[in-house]
C-alpha atoms as a PDB file:
ATOM      1  CA  MET A   1     -17.663  11.602 -13.612  1.00  0.00           C
ATOM      2  CA  PRO A   2     -14.648  10.231 -11.696  1.00  0.00           C
ATOM      3  CA  ILE A   3     -12.350   7.629 -13.216  1.00  0.00           C
ATOM      4  CA  THR A   4     -12.779   4.287 -11.428  1.00  0.00           C
ATOM      5  CA  TYR A   5     -10.445   1.353 -10.884  1.00  0.00           C
ATOM      6  CA  ASP A   6     -12.831  -0.725 -12.985  1.00  0.00           C
ATOM      7  CA  GLN A   7     -11.857   1.527 -15.891  1.00  0.00           C
ATOM      8  CA  ILE A   8      -8.152   1.651 -14.991  1.00  0.00           C
ATOM      9  CA  ALA A   9      -7.629  -2.065 -14.243  1.00  0.00           C
ATOM     10  CA  PRO A  10      -7.298  -3.449 -17.807  1.00  0.00           C
ATOM     11  CA  SER A  11      -4.466  -1.052 -18.700  1.00  0.00           C
ATOM     12  CA  TYR A  12      -2.961  -0.483 -15.232  1.00  0.00           C
ATOM     13  CA  ASP A  13       0.071  -2.774 -15.592  1.00  0.00           C
ATOM     14  CA  ARG A  14       0.943  -1.404 -19.019  1.00  0.00           C
ATOM     15  CA  LYS A  15       0.644   2.222 -17.899  1.00  0.00           C
ATOM     16  CA  ILE A  16       2.707   1.795 -14.742  1.00  0.00           C
ATOM     17  CA  ARG A  17       5.403  -0.339 -16.450  1.00  0.00           C
ATOM     18  CA  PRO A  18       7.743   2.628 -17.229  1.00  0.00           C
ATOM     19  CA  LEU A  19       7.682   3.682 -13.557  1.00  0.00           C
ATOM     20  CA  GLU A  20       8.280   0.073 -12.500  1.00  0.00           C
ATOM     21  CA  ARG A  21      11.375  -0.097 -14.706  1.00  0.00           C
ATOM     22  CA  TRP A  22      12.604   3.327 -13.655  1.00  0.00           C
ATOM     23  CA  PHE A  23      12.320   3.000  -9.860  1.00  0.00           C
ATOM     24  CA  LEU A  24       9.167   1.338  -8.466  1.00  0.00           C
ATOM     25  CA  ASP A  25      10.288  -2.280  -8.863  1.00  0.00           C
ATOM     26  CA  ARG A  26      13.481  -1.530  -6.925  1.00  0.00           C
ATOM     27  CA  LEU A  27      11.540   0.249  -4.172  1.00  0.00           C
ATOM     28  CA  ARG A  28       9.062  -2.631  -3.936  1.00  0.00           C
ATOM     29  CA  ARG A  29      12.023  -5.002  -3.431  1.00  0.00           C
ATOM     30  CA  GLU A  30      13.400  -2.741  -0.713  1.00  0.00           C
ATOM     31  CA  ALA A  31      10.002  -2.622   0.992  1.00  0.00           C
ATOM     32  CA  PHE A  32       9.705  -6.426   1.011  1.00  0.00           C
ATOM     33  CA  ALA A  33      13.258  -6.717   2.389  1.00  0.00           C
ATOM     34  CA  LEU A  34      12.020  -4.907   5.526  1.00  0.00           C
ATOM     35  CA  LEU A  35       9.469  -7.637   6.292  1.00  0.00           C
ATOM     36  CA  PRO A  36      10.331 -10.446   8.732  1.00  0.00           C
ATOM     37  CA  ALA A  37      11.592 -13.650   7.112  1.00  0.00           C
ATOM     38  CA  THR A  38       8.831 -15.717   8.728  1.00  0.00           C
ATOM     39  CA  GLY A  39       5.269 -15.212   9.924  1.00  0.00           C
ATOM     40  CA  ARG A  40       1.911 -14.375   8.378  1.00  0.00           C
ATOM     41  CA  ILE A  41       1.932 -11.386   6.029  1.00  0.00           C
ATOM     42  CA  LEU A  42      -0.995  -9.126   5.143  1.00  0.00           C
ATOM     43  CA  GLU A  43      -0.826  -7.148   1.916  1.00  0.00           C
ATOM     44  CA  LEU A  44      -3.251  -4.250   1.932  1.00  0.00           C
ATOM     45  CA  GLY A  45      -4.368  -3.181  -1.545  1.00  0.00           C
ATOM     46  CA  ALA A  46      -2.763  -5.814  -3.758  1.00  0.00           C
ATOM     47  CA  GLY A  47      -4.127  -4.198  -6.923  1.00  0.00           C
ATOM     48  CA  THR A  48      -3.270  -6.282  -9.983  1.00  0.00           C
ATOM     49  CA  GLY A  49      -0.684  -8.325  -8.077  1.00  0.00           C
ATOM     50  CA  LEU A  50       2.466  -6.419  -9.022  1.00  0.00           C
ATOM     51  CA  ASN A  51       4.002  -7.266  -5.640  1.00  0.00           C
ATOM     52  CA  PHE A  52       3.616 -11.023  -6.006  1.00  0.00           C
ATOM     53  CA  ILE A  53       7.063 -11.455  -7.591  1.00  0.00           C
ATOM     54  CA  HIS A  54       8.626  -9.940  -4.460  1.00  0.00           C
ATOM     55  CA  TYR A  55       7.123 -12.410  -1.979  1.00  0.00           C
ATOM     56  CA  ARG A  56       9.345 -15.136  -0.582  1.00  0.00           C
ATOM     57  CA  SER A  57       8.413 -18.447  -2.185  1.00  0.00           C
ATOM     58  CA  ASP A  58       7.421 -19.843   1.232  1.00  0.00           C
ATOM     59  CA  ALA A  59       5.361 -16.780   2.234  1.00  0.00           C
ATOM     60  CA  HIS A  60       2.060 -17.265   4.072  1.00  0.00           C
ATOM     61  CA  GLY A  61      -0.709 -14.752   4.472  1.00  0.00           C
ATOM     62  CA  VAL A  62      -3.405 -12.781   2.683  1.00  0.00           C
ATOM     63  CA  ALA A  63      -3.354 -10.207  -0.092  1.00  0.00           C
ATOM     64  CA  THR A  64      -6.434  -7.954  -0.003  1.00  0.00           C
ATOM     65  CA  GLU A  65      -7.870  -5.700  -2.706  1.00  0.00           C
ATOM     66  CA  PRO A  66     -11.199  -3.853  -2.711  1.00  0.00           C
ATOM     67  CA  ASN A  67     -11.697  -3.612  -6.468  1.00  0.00           C
ATOM     68  CA  LYS A  68     -13.086  -6.644  -8.330  1.00  0.00           C
ATOM     69  CA  ALA A  69     -11.555  -5.748 -11.711  1.00  0.00           C
ATOM     70  CA  MET A  70      -8.100  -5.367 -10.136  1.00  0.00           C
ATOM     71  CA  ILE A  71      -8.327  -8.559  -8.084  1.00  0.00           C
ATOM     72  CA  ASP A  72      -9.543 -10.525 -11.121  1.00  0.00           C
ATOM     73  CA  ILE A  73      -6.266  -9.605 -12.858  1.00  0.00           C
ATOM     74  CA  ALA A  74      -4.264 -10.454  -9.718  1.00  0.00           C
ATOM     75  CA  ARG A  75      -5.921 -13.899  -9.467  1.00  0.00           C
ATOM     76  CA  VAL A  76      -4.295 -15.133 -12.678  1.00  0.00           C
ATOM     77  CA  LYS A  77      -0.776 -14.042 -11.683  1.00  0.00           C
ATOM     78  CA  GLU A  78       1.615 -16.462 -10.076  1.00  0.00           C
ATOM     79  CA  ARG A  79       1.948 -16.032  -6.324  1.00  0.00           C
ATOM     80  CA  PRO A  80       3.179 -18.207  -3.444  1.00  0.00           C
ATOM     81  CA  GLY A  81       0.795 -21.053  -2.662  1.00  0.00           C
ATOM     82  CA  GLY A  82       0.488 -19.847   0.936  1.00  0.00           C
ATOM     83  CA  VAL A  83      -0.871 -16.429  -0.063  1.00  0.00           C
ATOM     84  CA  THR A  84      -4.657 -16.131  -0.400  1.00  0.00           C
ATOM     85  CA  LEU A  85      -6.485 -13.333  -2.221  1.00  0.00           C
ATOM     86  CA  VAL A  86      -9.426 -11.667  -0.459  1.00  0.00           C
ATOM     87  CA  GLN A  87     -11.633  -8.864  -1.751  1.00  0.00           C
ATOM     88  CA  ASN A  88     -12.297  -6.224   0.901  1.00  0.00           C
ATOM     89  CA  CYS A  89     -11.518  -2.622   1.786  1.00  0.00           C
ATOM     90  CA  ALA A  90      -8.768  -1.376   4.107  1.00  0.00           C
ATOM     91  CA  GLU A  91     -11.199   0.164   6.577  1.00  0.00           C
ATOM     92  CA  GLU A  92     -13.029  -3.117   7.298  1.00  0.00           C
ATOM     93  CA  LEU A  93     -10.637  -6.063   7.412  1.00  0.00           C
ATOM     94  CA  PRO A  94     -12.405  -9.412   7.966  1.00  0.00           C
ATOM     95  CA  PHE A  95      -9.661 -10.825  10.207  1.00  0.00           C
ATOM     96  CA  ALA A  96      -9.355 -11.486  13.930  1.00  0.00           C
ATOM     97  CA  ARG A  97      -7.206  -9.345  16.179  1.00  0.00           C
ATOM     98  CA  ALA A  98      -3.451 -10.098  15.882  1.00  0.00           C
ATOM     99  CA  SER A  99      -3.946 -12.427  12.884  1.00  0.00           C
ATOM    100  CA  PHE A 100      -0.725 -11.318  11.154  1.00  0.00           C
ATOM    101  CA  ASP A 101       2.922 -10.709  12.014  1.00  0.00           C
ATOM    102  CA  ALA A 102       3.478  -7.975   9.428  1.00  0.00           C
ATOM    103  CA  ALA A 103       1.805  -5.909   6.731  1.00  0.00           C
ATOM    104  CA  ILE A 104       3.021  -4.531   3.406  1.00  0.00           C
ATOM    105  CA  VAL A 105       1.215  -1.602   1.786  1.00  0.00           C
ATOM    106  CA  THR A 106       2.330  -0.109  -1.538  1.00  0.00           C
ATOM    107  CA  LEU A 107       0.701   2.881  -3.242  1.00  0.00           C
ATOM    108  CA  VAL A 108      -2.559   2.470  -1.341  1.00  0.00           C
ATOM    109  CA  PHE A 109      -2.999   5.237   1.240  1.00  0.00           C
ATOM    110  CA  CYS A 110      -3.363   7.868  -1.491  1.00  0.00           C
ATOM    111  CA  SER A 111      -6.772   6.406  -2.345  1.00  0.00           C
ATOM    112  CA  VAL A 112      -8.246   4.840   0.810  1.00  0.00           C
ATOM    113  CA  ARG A 113     -11.455   6.515   1.951  1.00  0.00           C
ATOM    114  CA  SER A 114     -10.270   6.949   5.555  1.00  0.00           C
ATOM    115  CA  PRO A 115      -6.548   6.610   6.360  1.00  0.00           C
ATOM    116  CA  ALA A 116      -7.327   6.823  10.087  1.00  0.00           C
ATOM    117  CA  GLU A 117      -9.727   3.855   9.916  1.00  0.00           C
ATOM    118  CA  ALA A 118      -7.323   1.855   7.730  1.00  0.00           C
ATOM    119  CA  PHE A 119      -4.463   2.398  10.199  1.00  0.00           C
ATOM    120  CA  GLU A 120      -6.776   1.469  13.066  1.00  0.00           C
ATOM    121  CA  GLU A 121      -7.549  -1.794  11.292  1.00  0.00           C
ATOM    122  CA  LEU A 122      -3.848  -2.471  10.677  1.00  0.00           C
ATOM    123  CA  ARG A 123      -3.158  -1.939  14.384  1.00  0.00           C
ATOM    124  CA  ARG A 124      -5.954  -4.386  15.186  1.00  0.00           C
ATOM    125  CA  VAL A 125      -4.956  -7.242  12.868  1.00  0.00           C
ATOM    126  CA  ILE A 126      -1.147  -7.024  13.197  1.00  0.00           C
ATOM    127  CA  ARG A 127       0.205  -8.516  16.420  1.00  0.00           C
ATOM    128  CA  ARG A 128       1.806  -6.245  19.008  1.00  0.00           C
ATOM    129  CA  GLY A 129       5.434  -5.676  18.051  1.00  0.00           C
ATOM    130  CA  GLY A 130       4.667  -6.577  14.428  1.00  0.00           C
ATOM    131  CA  THR A 131       5.941  -4.715  11.373  1.00  0.00           C
ATOM    132  CA  VAL A 132       4.082  -2.434   8.957  1.00  0.00           C
ATOM    133  CA  VAL A 133       5.924  -1.328   5.797  1.00  0.00           C
ATOM    134  CA  LEU A 134       4.453   1.397   3.593  1.00  0.00           C
ATOM    135  CA  LEU A 135       5.654   2.522   0.171  1.00  0.00           C
ATOM    136  CA  GLU A 136       3.582   5.601  -0.676  1.00  0.00           C
ATOM    137  CA  HIS A 137       3.550   8.772  -2.715  1.00  0.00           C
ATOM    138  CA  VAL A 138       3.007  11.666  -0.313  1.00  0.00           C
ATOM    139  CA  ARG A 139       2.952  15.441   0.027  1.00  0.00           C
ATOM    140  CA  PRO A 140       6.610  16.494  -0.087  1.00  0.00           C
ATOM    141  CA  ASP A 141       8.087  19.103   2.252  1.00  0.00           C
ATOM    142  CA  GLY A 142       9.156  22.545   1.172  1.00  0.00           C
ATOM    143  CA  VAL A 143       8.055  24.467  -1.883  1.00  0.00           C
ATOM    144  CA  LEU A 144       6.609  21.354  -3.574  1.00  0.00           C
ATOM    145  CA  GLY A 145       4.035  20.850  -0.802  1.00  0.00           C
ATOM    146  CA  PRO A 146       1.635  23.576  -1.974  1.00  0.00           C
ATOM    147  CA  VAL A 147       2.043  22.335  -5.559  1.00  0.00           C
ATOM    148  CA  PHE A 148       0.850  18.892  -4.446  1.00  0.00           C
ATOM    149  CA  ASP A 149      -2.049  20.508  -2.566  1.00  0.00           C
ATOM    150  CA  LEU A 150      -3.075  22.133  -5.837  1.00  0.00           C
ATOM    151  CA  LEU A 151      -2.623  18.847  -7.747  1.00  0.00           C
ATOM    152  CA  SER A 152      -4.941  17.128  -5.281  1.00  0.00           C
ATOM    153  CA  ALA A 153      -7.661  19.672  -5.992  1.00  0.00           C
ATOM    154  CA  PHE A 154      -7.804  18.087  -9.464  1.00  0.00           C
ATOM    155  CA  THR A 155      -6.841  14.436  -8.836  1.00  0.00           C
ATOM    156  CA  VAL A 156      -9.226  13.783  -5.938  1.00  0.00           C
ATOM    157  CA  PRO A 157     -12.440  14.560  -7.878  1.00  0.00           C
ATOM    158  CA  LEU A 158     -11.009  12.990 -11.041  1.00  0.00           C
ATOM    159  CA  SER A 159      -9.704   9.694  -9.649  1.00  0.00           C
ATOM    160  CA  ASN A 160      -9.835   9.813  -5.821  1.00  0.00           C
ATOM    161  CA  ASP A 161      -6.017  10.070  -5.779  1.00  0.00           C
ATOM    162  CA  HIS A 162      -4.762  12.267  -2.923  1.00  0.00           C
ATOM    163  CA  PHE A 163      -1.363  13.706  -3.836  1.00  0.00           C
ATOM    164  CA  ASN A 164      -1.030  15.590  -0.564  1.00  0.00           C
ATOM    165  CA  ARG A 165      -1.460  12.983   2.140  1.00  0.00           C
ATOM    166  CA  ARG A 166       1.093  12.920   4.949  1.00  0.00           C
ATOM    167  CA  THR A 167       1.126   9.169   5.465  1.00  0.00           C
ATOM    168  CA  ALA A 168       3.940   8.932   8.044  1.00  0.00           C
ATOM    169  CA  ASP A 169       2.180  11.544  10.198  1.00  0.00           C
ATOM    170  CA  ALA A 170      -1.119   9.668   9.824  1.00  0.00           C
ATOM    171  CA  ALA A 171       0.572   6.436  10.935  1.00  0.00           C
ATOM    172  CA  ARG A 172       1.991   8.181  14.032  1.00  0.00           C
ATOM    173  CA  THR A 173      -1.363   9.765  14.852  1.00  0.00           C
ATOM    174  CA  ALA A 174      -2.987   6.314  14.600  1.00  0.00           C
ATOM    175  CA  GLY A 175      -0.586   4.969  17.239  1.00  0.00           C
ATOM    176  CA  LEU A 176       1.985   3.179  15.096  1.00  0.00           C
ATOM    177  CA  GLN A 177       5.630   3.669  16.029  1.00  0.00           C
ATOM    178  CA  VAL A 178       7.340   5.079  12.931  1.00  0.00           C
ATOM    179  CA  ILE A 179      10.850   3.608  12.945  1.00  0.00           C
ATOM    180  CA  ASP A 180      12.226   5.055   9.714  1.00  0.00           C
ATOM    181  CA  VAL A 181      11.160   7.187   6.751  1.00  0.00           C
ATOM    182  CA  ARG A 182      13.319   6.997   3.631  1.00  0.00           C
ATOM    183  CA  LYS A 183      12.522   9.662   1.050  1.00  0.00           C
ATOM    184  CA  PHE A 184      12.974   9.333  -2.697  1.00  0.00           C
ATOM    185  CA  GLY A 185      12.324  11.630  -5.657  1.00  0.00           C
ATOM    186  CA  LEU A 186      12.426  14.973  -3.804  1.00  0.00           C
ATOM    187  CA  GLY A 187      10.456  13.410  -0.954  1.00  0.00           C
ATOM    188  CA  ILE A 188       7.511  12.490  -3.168  1.00  0.00           C
ATOM    189  CA  ILE A 189       7.934   8.749  -2.511  1.00  0.00           C
ATOM    190  CA  ASN A 190       8.372   7.550   1.086  1.00  0.00           C
ATOM    191  CA  LEU A 191       9.390   4.105   2.327  1.00  0.00           C
ATOM    192  CA  ILE A 192       8.002   4.061   5.863  1.00  0.00           C
ATOM    193  CA  SER A 193       8.838   1.375   8.445  1.00  0.00           C
ATOM    194  CA  CYS A 194       6.548   1.083  11.449  1.00  0.00           C
ATOM    195  CA  ARG A 195       6.021  -1.109  14.477  1.00  0.00           C
ATOM    196  CA  VAL A 196       2.656  -1.871  16.027  1.00  0.00           C
END
């Protein structure tokens, strides 16, 4: 029986806290620094709201999350007044074409059902010329790649966590212009800047 986000949600913040202190909080800040200073922002996969502290105080937009248990935790966290929470999945965004100027996505594409459909939706709802910033764990290059393929053979059935996705390549294939890929931790974590 796979582990679900309903099961993970109550302890998620506590379990990820060491990684946040070690490097994730800094990388989240760097990801948010790549967003435009103004305009409507879409956060895809807000989880328990760990990104909320990185939003500008005057930010406007929508933070989405498919899992009810995760979004219930996010709802009680402080966030900018202009940011609304919406429960929905990445592959079916309930927004009109070109509704947003930019999107931020952190640690999401490892678990979306269909990366291709999620990127297609991002291309639809972000205006032409808009920014998409992704902070993701990915399949690293070199000798570690096959190790992450093997890891995925266990993590996908256990928790639907794909350790071997090539997210920058998937973004390119979907038609996004990949501007920059910064690699951290032997290439396991990528900070990917794209333009629609």
